[in-house]
N, C-alpha and C. Protein backbone atom coordinates (compact mmCIF):
# COMPACT_ATOMS: atom_id res chain seq x y z
N MET A 1 -17.83 -4.45 7.94
CA MET A 1 -17.34 -4.97 9.18
C MET A 1 -17.94 -6.35 9.42
N PRO A 2 -17.24 -7.21 10.11
CA PRO A 2 -17.77 -8.55 10.34
C PRO A 2 -18.91 -8.52 11.35
N ILE A 3 -19.82 -9.45 11.18
CA ILE A 3 -20.97 -9.57 12.08
C ILE A 3 -20.60 -10.53 13.20
N ILE A 4 -20.91 -10.11 14.42
CA ILE A 4 -20.67 -10.97 15.59
C ILE A 4 -22.01 -11.59 15.96
N ARG A 5 -22.00 -12.82 16.38
CA ARG A 5 -23.23 -13.57 16.67
C ARG A 5 -23.77 -13.20 18.05
N TRP A 6 -24.38 -12.03 18.19
CA TRP A 6 -24.92 -11.63 19.48
C TRP A 6 -26.42 -11.87 19.58
N GLY A 7 -27.17 -11.35 18.67
CA GLY A 7 -28.62 -11.48 18.75
C GLY A 7 -29.10 -12.83 18.25
N GLU A 8 -30.30 -13.20 18.69
CA GLU A 8 -30.85 -14.49 18.29
C GLU A 8 -31.14 -14.54 16.80
N ALA A 9 -31.63 -13.44 16.23
CA ALA A 9 -31.97 -13.43 14.81
C ALA A 9 -30.73 -13.61 13.95
N ILE A 10 -29.66 -12.91 14.27
CA ILE A 10 -28.45 -13.03 13.45
C ILE A 10 -27.77 -14.39 13.69
N GLN A 11 -27.88 -14.93 14.90
CA GLN A 11 -27.33 -16.26 15.15
C GLN A 11 -28.02 -17.29 14.28
N GLN A 12 -29.33 -17.18 14.17
CA GLN A 12 -30.08 -18.13 13.35
C GLN A 12 -29.69 -18.00 11.89
N GLU A 13 -29.48 -16.79 11.42
CA GLU A 13 -29.09 -16.59 10.02
C GLU A 13 -27.70 -17.14 9.74
N LEU A 14 -26.81 -17.08 10.72
CA LEU A 14 -25.43 -17.51 10.51
C LEU A 14 -25.20 -19.01 10.74
N VAL A 15 -26.20 -19.75 11.15
CA VAL A 15 -26.00 -21.19 11.34
C VAL A 15 -26.69 -22.03 10.27
N GLU A 16 -27.44 -21.41 9.39
CA GLU A 16 -28.12 -22.20 8.37
C GLU A 16 -28.12 -21.46 7.05
N GLY A 17 -28.34 -22.20 6.00
CA GLY A 17 -28.44 -21.62 4.67
C GLY A 17 -27.09 -21.49 3.97
N TRP A 18 -27.15 -20.91 2.78
CA TRP A 18 -25.96 -20.74 1.95
C TRP A 18 -25.68 -19.26 1.74
N SER A 19 -24.74 -18.96 0.90
CA SER A 19 -24.37 -17.56 0.66
C SER A 19 -25.57 -16.77 0.18
N ARG A 20 -25.79 -15.62 0.82
CA ARG A 20 -26.95 -14.81 0.48
C ARG A 20 -26.79 -13.41 1.07
N VAL A 21 -27.70 -12.54 0.67
CA VAL A 21 -27.76 -11.18 1.20
C VAL A 21 -29.10 -11.03 1.89
N ILE A 22 -29.08 -10.58 3.13
CA ILE A 22 -30.31 -10.36 3.89
C ILE A 22 -30.36 -8.92 4.37
N GLN A 23 -31.54 -8.45 4.71
CA GLN A 23 -31.69 -7.15 5.34
C GLN A 23 -31.85 -7.40 6.84
N HIS A 24 -31.04 -6.72 7.63
CA HIS A 24 -31.08 -6.90 9.08
C HIS A 24 -31.37 -5.55 9.71
N ASP A 25 -32.17 -5.56 10.77
CA ASP A 25 -32.44 -4.29 11.44
C ASP A 25 -31.92 -4.35 12.87
N LEU A 26 -31.44 -3.22 13.30
CA LEU A 26 -30.88 -3.06 14.64
C LEU A 26 -31.70 -1.99 15.33
N THR A 27 -32.26 -2.31 16.48
CA THR A 27 -33.09 -1.34 17.19
C THR A 27 -32.47 -1.04 18.54
N GLY A 28 -32.76 0.13 19.04
CA GLY A 28 -32.25 0.52 20.34
C GLY A 28 -32.99 1.72 20.88
N LYS A 29 -32.58 2.15 22.08
CA LYS A 29 -33.19 3.31 22.71
C LYS A 29 -32.08 4.23 23.19
N LEU A 30 -32.27 5.52 22.96
CA LEU A 30 -31.31 6.51 23.41
C LEU A 30 -32.08 7.74 23.88
N ASP A 31 -31.93 8.10 25.14
CA ASP A 31 -32.61 9.26 25.73
C ASP A 31 -34.12 9.19 25.55
N GLY A 32 -34.69 8.01 25.72
CA GLY A 32 -36.13 7.86 25.62
C GLY A 32 -36.67 7.75 24.21
N HIS A 33 -35.81 7.86 23.21
CA HIS A 33 -36.24 7.76 21.81
C HIS A 33 -35.81 6.42 21.25
N SER A 34 -36.71 5.76 20.56
CA SER A 34 -36.38 4.50 19.90
C SER A 34 -35.83 4.79 18.52
N TRP A 35 -34.88 3.98 18.09
CA TRP A 35 -34.33 4.11 16.75
C TRP A 35 -34.15 2.73 16.14
N THR A 36 -34.22 2.69 14.83
CA THR A 36 -34.05 1.45 14.08
C THR A 36 -33.18 1.75 12.86
N VAL A 37 -32.19 0.90 12.66
CA VAL A 37 -31.31 1.02 11.51
C VAL A 37 -31.40 -0.28 10.73
N GLU A 38 -31.64 -0.17 9.43
CA GLU A 38 -31.70 -1.36 8.58
C GLU A 38 -30.52 -1.32 7.62
N PHE A 39 -29.82 -2.44 7.51
CA PHE A 39 -28.64 -2.51 6.66
C PHE A 39 -28.52 -3.90 6.06
N PRO A 40 -27.83 -4.01 4.92
CA PRO A 40 -27.65 -5.33 4.31
C PRO A 40 -26.55 -6.11 5.01
N VAL A 41 -26.76 -7.41 5.14
CA VAL A 41 -25.76 -8.32 5.69
C VAL A 41 -25.46 -9.36 4.62
N TYR A 42 -24.19 -9.45 4.27
CA TYR A 42 -23.73 -10.43 3.28
C TYR A 42 -23.22 -11.65 4.04
N ILE A 43 -23.87 -12.78 3.84
CA ILE A 43 -23.45 -14.02 4.49
C ILE A 43 -22.74 -14.87 3.45
N ASP A 44 -21.45 -15.10 3.69
CA ASP A 44 -20.63 -15.86 2.75
C ASP A 44 -20.34 -17.22 3.35
N CYS A 45 -20.62 -18.27 2.60
CA CYS A 45 -20.39 -19.63 3.05
C CYS A 45 -19.27 -20.25 2.22
N THR A 46 -18.33 -20.88 2.90
CA THR A 46 -17.25 -21.58 2.21
C THR A 46 -17.13 -22.96 2.81
N TYR A 47 -16.76 -23.90 1.98
CA TYR A 47 -16.55 -25.27 2.44
C TYR A 47 -15.08 -25.43 2.78
N LEU A 48 -14.81 -25.80 4.02
CA LEU A 48 -13.43 -25.87 4.47
C LEU A 48 -13.05 -27.27 4.95
N ASN A 49 -13.43 -28.27 4.20
CA ASN A 49 -12.96 -29.64 4.42
C ASN A 49 -13.24 -30.15 5.83
N GLY A 50 -14.42 -29.86 6.34
CA GLY A 50 -14.81 -30.40 7.64
C GLY A 50 -14.19 -29.70 8.83
N ARG A 51 -13.68 -28.50 8.68
CA ARG A 51 -13.00 -27.85 9.80
C ARG A 51 -13.93 -27.11 10.74
N TYR A 52 -15.13 -26.74 10.33
CA TYR A 52 -15.99 -25.93 11.19
C TYR A 52 -17.09 -26.77 11.81
N ASP A 53 -18.31 -26.68 11.34
CA ASP A 53 -19.36 -27.49 11.95
C ASP A 53 -19.36 -28.89 11.35
N GLU A 54 -20.38 -29.64 11.59
CA GLU A 54 -20.38 -31.04 11.16
C GLU A 54 -20.36 -31.19 9.65
N HIS A 55 -20.73 -30.15 8.91
CA HIS A 55 -20.73 -30.24 7.46
C HIS A 55 -19.53 -29.55 6.84
N GLY A 56 -18.68 -28.93 7.65
CA GLY A 56 -17.49 -28.28 7.13
C GLY A 56 -17.76 -26.96 6.44
N VAL A 57 -18.86 -26.31 6.79
CA VAL A 57 -19.21 -25.04 6.15
C VAL A 57 -18.91 -23.91 7.13
N ALA A 58 -18.13 -22.94 6.68
CA ALA A 58 -17.85 -21.75 7.48
C ALA A 58 -18.74 -20.62 6.96
N ARG A 59 -19.51 -20.04 7.85
CA ARG A 59 -20.40 -18.94 7.48
C ARG A 59 -19.91 -17.67 8.15
N HIS A 60 -19.64 -16.66 7.36
CA HIS A 60 -19.17 -15.39 7.88
C HIS A 60 -20.11 -14.30 7.38
N GLY A 61 -20.54 -13.44 8.29
CA GLY A 61 -21.42 -12.35 7.94
C GLY A 61 -20.68 -11.03 7.92
N TYR A 62 -20.99 -10.20 6.95
CA TYR A 62 -20.37 -8.88 6.82
C TYR A 62 -21.46 -7.83 6.62
N ALA A 63 -21.41 -6.79 7.43
CA ALA A 63 -22.32 -5.67 7.26
C ALA A 63 -21.61 -4.66 6.38
N ALA A 64 -22.15 -4.46 5.20
CA ALA A 64 -21.50 -3.54 4.26
C ALA A 64 -22.58 -2.85 3.45
N ASP A 65 -22.37 -1.57 3.24
CA ASP A 65 -23.29 -0.80 2.40
C ASP A 65 -22.44 0.04 1.47
N ALA A 66 -21.74 -0.64 0.57
CA ALA A 66 -20.85 0.03 -0.37
C ALA A 66 -21.29 -0.30 -1.79
N PRO A 67 -21.15 0.64 -2.71
CA PRO A 67 -21.61 0.38 -4.08
C PRO A 67 -20.77 -0.66 -4.81
N PHE A 68 -19.54 -0.91 -4.39
CA PHE A 68 -18.70 -1.87 -5.09
C PHE A 68 -18.84 -3.29 -4.55
N ILE A 69 -19.65 -3.50 -3.52
CA ILE A 69 -19.89 -4.84 -2.99
C ILE A 69 -21.27 -5.28 -3.46
N GLU A 70 -21.29 -6.32 -4.29
CA GLU A 70 -22.54 -6.80 -4.84
C GLU A 70 -22.90 -8.20 -4.38
N THR A 71 -21.89 -9.02 -4.07
CA THR A 71 -22.13 -10.40 -3.69
C THR A 71 -21.44 -10.68 -2.35
N PRO A 72 -21.83 -11.76 -1.67
CA PRO A 72 -21.14 -12.11 -0.42
C PRO A 72 -19.65 -12.39 -0.63
N ARG A 73 -19.27 -12.92 -1.77
CA ARG A 73 -17.86 -13.16 -2.06
C ARG A 73 -17.09 -11.84 -2.15
N ASP A 74 -17.71 -10.81 -2.75
CA ASP A 74 -17.10 -9.48 -2.80
C ASP A 74 -16.86 -8.94 -1.39
N ALA A 75 -17.84 -9.13 -0.50
CA ALA A 75 -17.70 -8.64 0.88
C ALA A 75 -16.53 -9.32 1.57
N ARG A 76 -16.40 -10.64 1.40
CA ARG A 76 -15.28 -11.37 2.02
C ARG A 76 -13.95 -10.90 1.45
N TYR A 77 -13.89 -10.70 0.14
CA TYR A 77 -12.66 -10.27 -0.51
C TYR A 77 -12.22 -8.89 -0.01
N HIS A 78 -13.15 -7.94 0.04
CA HIS A 78 -12.78 -6.59 0.47
C HIS A 78 -12.45 -6.55 1.96
N TYR A 79 -13.12 -7.35 2.77
CA TYR A 79 -12.77 -7.37 4.20
C TYR A 79 -11.40 -8.01 4.42
N SER A 80 -11.05 -9.02 3.63
CA SER A 80 -9.76 -9.68 3.83
C SER A 80 -8.61 -8.73 3.53
N LYS A 81 -8.82 -7.73 2.69
CA LYS A 81 -7.77 -6.75 2.41
C LYS A 81 -7.54 -5.82 3.60
N ARG A 82 -8.52 -5.70 4.48
CA ARG A 82 -8.36 -4.84 5.66
C ARG A 82 -7.45 -5.46 6.70
N PHE A 83 -7.22 -6.75 6.65
CA PHE A 83 -6.41 -7.42 7.67
C PHE A 83 -5.02 -6.82 7.75
N GLY A 84 -4.39 -6.58 6.61
CA GLY A 84 -3.05 -6.01 6.60
C GLY A 84 -3.02 -4.61 7.18
N ILE A 85 -4.04 -3.82 6.90
CA ILE A 85 -4.11 -2.46 7.42
C ILE A 85 -4.25 -2.49 8.94
N GLU A 86 -5.17 -3.30 9.44
CA GLU A 86 -5.41 -3.35 10.88
C GLU A 86 -4.21 -3.90 11.63
N SER A 87 -3.55 -4.91 11.08
CA SER A 87 -2.38 -5.46 11.77
C SER A 87 -1.23 -4.46 11.75
N SER A 88 -1.12 -3.64 10.71
CA SER A 88 -0.09 -2.60 10.67
C SER A 88 -0.32 -1.57 11.77
N TYR A 89 -1.57 -1.16 11.97
CA TYR A 89 -1.86 -0.21 13.03
C TYR A 89 -1.61 -0.84 14.40
N ARG A 90 -1.98 -2.11 14.59
CA ARG A 90 -1.71 -2.78 15.86
C ARG A 90 -0.22 -2.83 16.13
N LEU A 91 0.57 -3.13 15.09
CA LEU A 91 2.02 -3.22 15.24
C LEU A 91 2.62 -1.85 15.51
N SER A 92 2.10 -0.81 14.86
CA SER A 92 2.67 0.52 15.06
C SER A 92 2.39 1.04 16.46
N GLU A 93 1.34 0.57 17.11
CA GLU A 93 1.05 1.01 18.47
C GLU A 93 2.09 0.52 19.47
N GLN A 94 2.87 -0.48 19.11
CA GLN A 94 3.91 -0.98 20.01
C GLN A 94 5.08 -0.02 20.10
N ALA A 95 5.25 0.87 19.12
CA ALA A 95 6.40 1.76 19.12
C ALA A 95 6.01 3.22 19.09
N ILE A 96 4.74 3.53 19.24
CA ILE A 96 4.33 4.93 19.15
C ILE A 96 4.63 5.64 20.47
N ALA A 97 5.07 6.86 20.36
CA ALA A 97 5.36 7.66 21.55
C ALA A 97 4.07 8.16 22.16
N THR A 98 4.01 8.21 23.47
CA THR A 98 2.82 8.71 24.13
C THR A 98 3.01 10.18 24.47
N THR A 99 1.93 10.92 24.38
CA THR A 99 2.00 12.34 24.64
C THR A 99 0.66 12.81 25.20
N THR A 100 0.69 13.93 25.88
CA THR A 100 -0.55 14.52 26.37
C THR A 100 -0.92 15.78 25.60
N THR A 101 -0.16 16.08 24.57
CA THR A 101 -0.44 17.28 23.78
C THR A 101 -1.70 17.11 22.95
N ARG A 102 -2.37 18.22 22.73
CA ARG A 102 -3.56 18.19 21.87
C ARG A 102 -3.24 18.67 20.48
N ASP A 103 -1.98 19.00 20.24
CA ASP A 103 -1.56 19.48 18.93
C ASP A 103 -1.59 18.31 17.94
N ALA A 104 -2.40 18.44 16.91
CA ALA A 104 -2.58 17.34 15.96
C ALA A 104 -1.31 17.08 15.15
N THR A 105 -0.52 18.11 14.89
CA THR A 105 0.70 17.91 14.08
C THR A 105 1.73 17.08 14.85
N VAL A 106 1.84 17.31 16.16
CA VAL A 106 2.78 16.52 16.96
C VAL A 106 2.33 15.07 17.00
N ARG A 107 1.04 14.86 17.20
CA ARG A 107 0.52 13.49 17.26
C ARG A 107 0.70 12.79 15.91
N LEU A 108 0.46 13.52 14.81
CA LEU A 108 0.67 12.94 13.48
C LEU A 108 2.14 12.61 13.26
N LEU A 109 3.03 13.47 13.74
CA LEU A 109 4.46 13.21 13.62
C LEU A 109 4.84 11.91 14.32
N TYR A 110 4.29 11.67 15.51
CA TYR A 110 4.58 10.43 16.23
C TYR A 110 4.06 9.21 15.47
N VAL A 111 2.90 9.32 14.87
CA VAL A 111 2.34 8.20 14.10
C VAL A 111 3.21 7.93 12.87
N VAL A 112 3.64 8.99 12.19
CA VAL A 112 4.47 8.83 10.99
C VAL A 112 5.81 8.20 11.35
N VAL A 113 6.43 8.65 12.44
CA VAL A 113 7.70 8.06 12.87
C VAL A 113 7.50 6.58 13.21
N SER A 114 6.39 6.25 13.85
CA SER A 114 6.11 4.85 14.19
C SER A 114 5.95 4.00 12.93
N LEU A 115 5.23 4.52 11.93
CA LEU A 115 5.05 3.77 10.68
C LEU A 115 6.37 3.66 9.90
N LEU A 116 7.20 4.69 9.96
CA LEU A 116 8.52 4.60 9.31
C LEU A 116 9.40 3.55 9.98
N LEU A 117 9.36 3.49 11.31
CA LEU A 117 10.10 2.43 12.02
C LEU A 117 9.62 1.05 11.60
N GLN A 118 8.31 0.91 11.48
CA GLN A 118 7.75 -0.38 11.07
C GLN A 118 8.20 -0.77 9.66
N ASN A 119 8.19 0.21 8.74
CA ASN A 119 8.64 -0.09 7.38
C ASN A 119 10.13 -0.42 7.34
N ALA A 120 10.93 0.28 8.15
CA ALA A 120 12.36 -0.03 8.22
C ALA A 120 12.58 -1.44 8.74
N TRP A 121 11.80 -1.84 9.76
CA TRP A 121 11.93 -3.19 10.30
C TRP A 121 11.56 -4.24 9.24
N ARG A 122 10.46 -3.98 8.52
CA ARG A 122 10.06 -4.94 7.48
C ARG A 122 11.13 -5.07 6.40
N TYR A 123 11.70 -3.94 5.98
CA TYR A 123 12.74 -3.98 4.95
C TYR A 123 13.98 -4.71 5.46
N LEU A 124 14.45 -4.37 6.65
CA LEU A 124 15.65 -5.02 7.20
C LEU A 124 15.40 -6.51 7.45
N HIS A 125 14.20 -6.83 7.91
CA HIS A 125 13.88 -8.23 8.16
C HIS A 125 13.91 -9.03 6.86
N TYR A 126 13.35 -8.48 5.80
CA TYR A 126 13.31 -9.20 4.54
C TYR A 126 14.67 -9.23 3.86
N GLU A 127 15.38 -8.11 3.89
CA GLU A 127 16.62 -8.00 3.11
C GLU A 127 17.82 -8.63 3.80
N TYR A 128 17.92 -8.53 5.13
CA TYR A 128 19.13 -8.97 5.81
C TYR A 128 18.95 -10.14 6.77
N VAL A 129 17.76 -10.31 7.33
CA VAL A 129 17.55 -11.40 8.28
C VAL A 129 17.06 -12.65 7.58
N ALA A 130 16.25 -12.49 6.55
CA ALA A 130 15.70 -13.65 5.84
C ALA A 130 16.76 -14.23 4.91
N THR A 131 16.74 -15.54 4.79
CA THR A 131 17.69 -16.19 3.90
C THR A 131 17.01 -16.54 2.59
N PRO A 132 17.69 -16.23 1.48
CA PRO A 132 17.09 -16.56 0.18
C PRO A 132 17.09 -18.07 -0.04
N ARG A 133 16.04 -18.55 -0.63
CA ARG A 133 15.94 -19.96 -0.99
C ARG A 133 14.94 -20.09 -2.12
N ARG A 134 14.92 -21.22 -2.73
CA ARG A 134 13.98 -21.44 -3.82
C ARG A 134 12.56 -21.48 -3.26
N GLY A 135 11.68 -20.76 -3.91
CA GLY A 135 10.31 -20.70 -3.44
C GLY A 135 10.04 -19.50 -2.54
N GLY A 136 10.99 -18.63 -2.34
CA GLY A 136 10.80 -17.45 -1.50
C GLY A 136 11.76 -17.46 -0.33
N ARG A 137 11.91 -16.32 0.29
CA ARG A 137 12.83 -16.20 1.41
C ARG A 137 12.24 -16.83 2.67
N ARG A 138 13.14 -17.31 3.52
CA ARG A 138 12.72 -17.87 4.81
C ARG A 138 12.93 -16.79 5.86
N LEU A 139 11.84 -16.36 6.47
CA LEU A 139 11.92 -15.32 7.48
C LEU A 139 12.26 -15.94 8.83
N TRP A 140 13.34 -15.50 9.41
CA TRP A 140 13.73 -15.96 10.74
C TRP A 140 13.02 -15.12 11.78
N TRP A 141 12.98 -15.61 13.00
CA TRP A 141 12.27 -14.95 14.09
C TRP A 141 13.04 -13.71 14.50
N TRP A 142 12.43 -12.56 14.36
CA TRP A 142 12.99 -11.29 14.79
C TRP A 142 11.82 -10.36 15.08
N PRO A 143 11.35 -10.32 16.33
CA PRO A 143 10.14 -9.56 16.64
C PRO A 143 10.36 -8.05 16.52
N TYR A 144 9.27 -7.38 16.26
CA TYR A 144 9.29 -5.93 16.08
C TYR A 144 9.72 -5.22 17.36
N LYS A 145 9.27 -5.73 18.52
CA LYS A 145 9.66 -5.10 19.79
C LYS A 145 11.16 -5.15 20.00
N GLU A 146 11.78 -6.24 19.59
CA GLU A 146 13.24 -6.34 19.72
C GLU A 146 13.92 -5.29 18.84
N PHE A 147 13.41 -5.08 17.63
CA PHE A 147 13.96 -4.06 16.75
C PHE A 147 13.81 -2.67 17.36
N VAL A 148 12.63 -2.38 17.93
CA VAL A 148 12.40 -1.08 18.56
C VAL A 148 13.36 -0.88 19.73
N ASN A 149 13.58 -1.92 20.52
CA ASN A 149 14.53 -1.81 21.63
C ASN A 149 15.95 -1.58 21.12
N MET A 150 16.31 -2.20 20.00
CA MET A 150 17.64 -1.96 19.41
C MET A 150 17.79 -0.51 18.98
N VAL A 151 16.76 0.04 18.35
CA VAL A 151 16.79 1.44 17.93
C VAL A 151 16.87 2.36 19.14
N ARG A 152 16.11 2.03 20.19
CA ARG A 152 16.13 2.85 21.40
C ARG A 152 17.52 2.85 22.04
N ARG A 153 18.15 1.67 22.15
CA ARG A 153 19.51 1.60 22.73
C ARG A 153 20.51 2.34 21.87
N ALA A 154 20.37 2.26 20.54
CA ALA A 154 21.28 2.99 19.66
C ALA A 154 21.10 4.50 19.82
N ALA A 155 19.86 4.95 20.00
CA ALA A 155 19.62 6.38 20.20
C ALA A 155 20.20 6.84 21.54
N TRP A 156 20.05 6.03 22.58
CA TRP A 156 20.63 6.39 23.88
C TRP A 156 22.15 6.47 23.79
N THR A 157 22.77 5.55 23.08
CA THR A 157 24.21 5.57 22.92
C THR A 157 24.65 6.79 22.10
N ALA A 158 23.95 7.07 21.02
CA ALA A 158 24.34 8.19 20.17
C ALA A 158 24.15 9.53 20.87
N LEU A 159 23.14 9.62 21.71
CA LEU A 159 22.88 10.88 22.41
C LEU A 159 23.56 10.94 23.78
N ALA A 160 24.31 9.91 24.14
CA ALA A 160 25.03 9.81 25.41
C ALA A 160 24.11 10.00 26.61
N VAL A 161 23.01 9.31 26.61
CA VAL A 161 22.05 9.40 27.71
C VAL A 161 22.54 8.54 28.86
N ARG A 162 22.58 9.12 30.06
CA ARG A 162 22.98 8.38 31.25
C ARG A 162 21.72 7.83 31.89
N ARG A 163 21.65 6.52 32.02
CA ARG A 163 20.46 5.88 32.57
C ARG A 163 20.58 5.67 34.07
N ALA A 164 21.80 5.74 34.62
CA ALA A 164 21.98 5.52 36.05
C ALA A 164 23.17 6.33 36.53
N VAL A 165 23.15 6.66 37.79
CA VAL A 165 24.27 7.37 38.41
C VAL A 165 25.19 6.32 39.02
N PRO A 166 26.50 6.38 38.73
CA PRO A 166 27.40 5.39 39.31
C PRO A 166 27.40 5.49 40.83
N ALA A 167 27.37 4.36 41.49
CA ALA A 167 27.32 4.32 42.95
C ALA A 167 28.71 4.55 43.53
N ASN A 168 28.76 5.19 44.70
CA ASN A 168 29.99 5.39 45.48
C ASN A 168 31.05 6.20 44.75
N ARG A 169 30.63 7.06 43.83
CA ARG A 169 31.57 7.95 43.17
C ARG A 169 30.99 9.35 43.14
N PRO A 170 31.83 10.35 43.36
CA PRO A 170 31.28 11.71 43.28
C PRO A 170 30.90 12.03 41.83
N PRO A 171 29.86 12.84 41.64
CA PRO A 171 29.46 13.22 40.28
C PRO A 171 30.56 14.04 39.62
N ASP A 172 30.83 13.76 38.36
CA ASP A 172 31.85 14.50 37.64
C ASP A 172 31.20 15.58 36.77
N ASP A 173 31.96 16.16 35.86
CA ASP A 173 31.46 17.28 35.08
C ASP A 173 30.38 16.88 34.07
N ARG A 174 30.17 15.60 33.84
CA ARG A 174 29.12 15.18 32.91
C ARG A 174 27.73 15.45 33.45
N PHE A 175 27.62 15.64 34.78
CA PHE A 175 26.32 15.85 35.38
C PHE A 175 25.96 17.32 35.49
N ASP A 176 26.89 18.21 35.15
CA ASP A 176 26.60 19.64 35.16
C ASP A 176 25.89 20.02 33.88
N ARG A 177 24.88 20.83 34.01
CA ARG A 177 24.16 21.26 32.82
C ARG A 177 24.20 22.74 32.69
């Protein structure tokens, strides 16, 4: 996980030096008991053409304790792969159904349906909305929320859902259940 510059010690480590691995300790108190956790912090420095501080060095810290991460560059590489996963979950929350049930299978079903909607949107966006051109397709603006609203309206139409009662007319047989 990325390190946020909260404490003075970690702030000092993230403003100076080059790529390195340090041991950092986190202390706290819970129910009158003190605790200390020590973990490795991988500080990765990259030169970004003068975009960050006066020397153009971007320093990012990652707290990781995994056997496959050996260098700060490995930590940055593995964390960058998480971006797609996290953005997918953020996007799926826009279309997930809300429920008060504690049944895990129902909740899992809603998550799966949300992820299927997201994959359908990505496929339709790439295959039918984007225009082919040399160097890759050009993706036109088509937000996910608009797609979800289109699916919702299509479901209402297919299921003949009445969203409003016509004014100044007596109810007909469609309102009998």
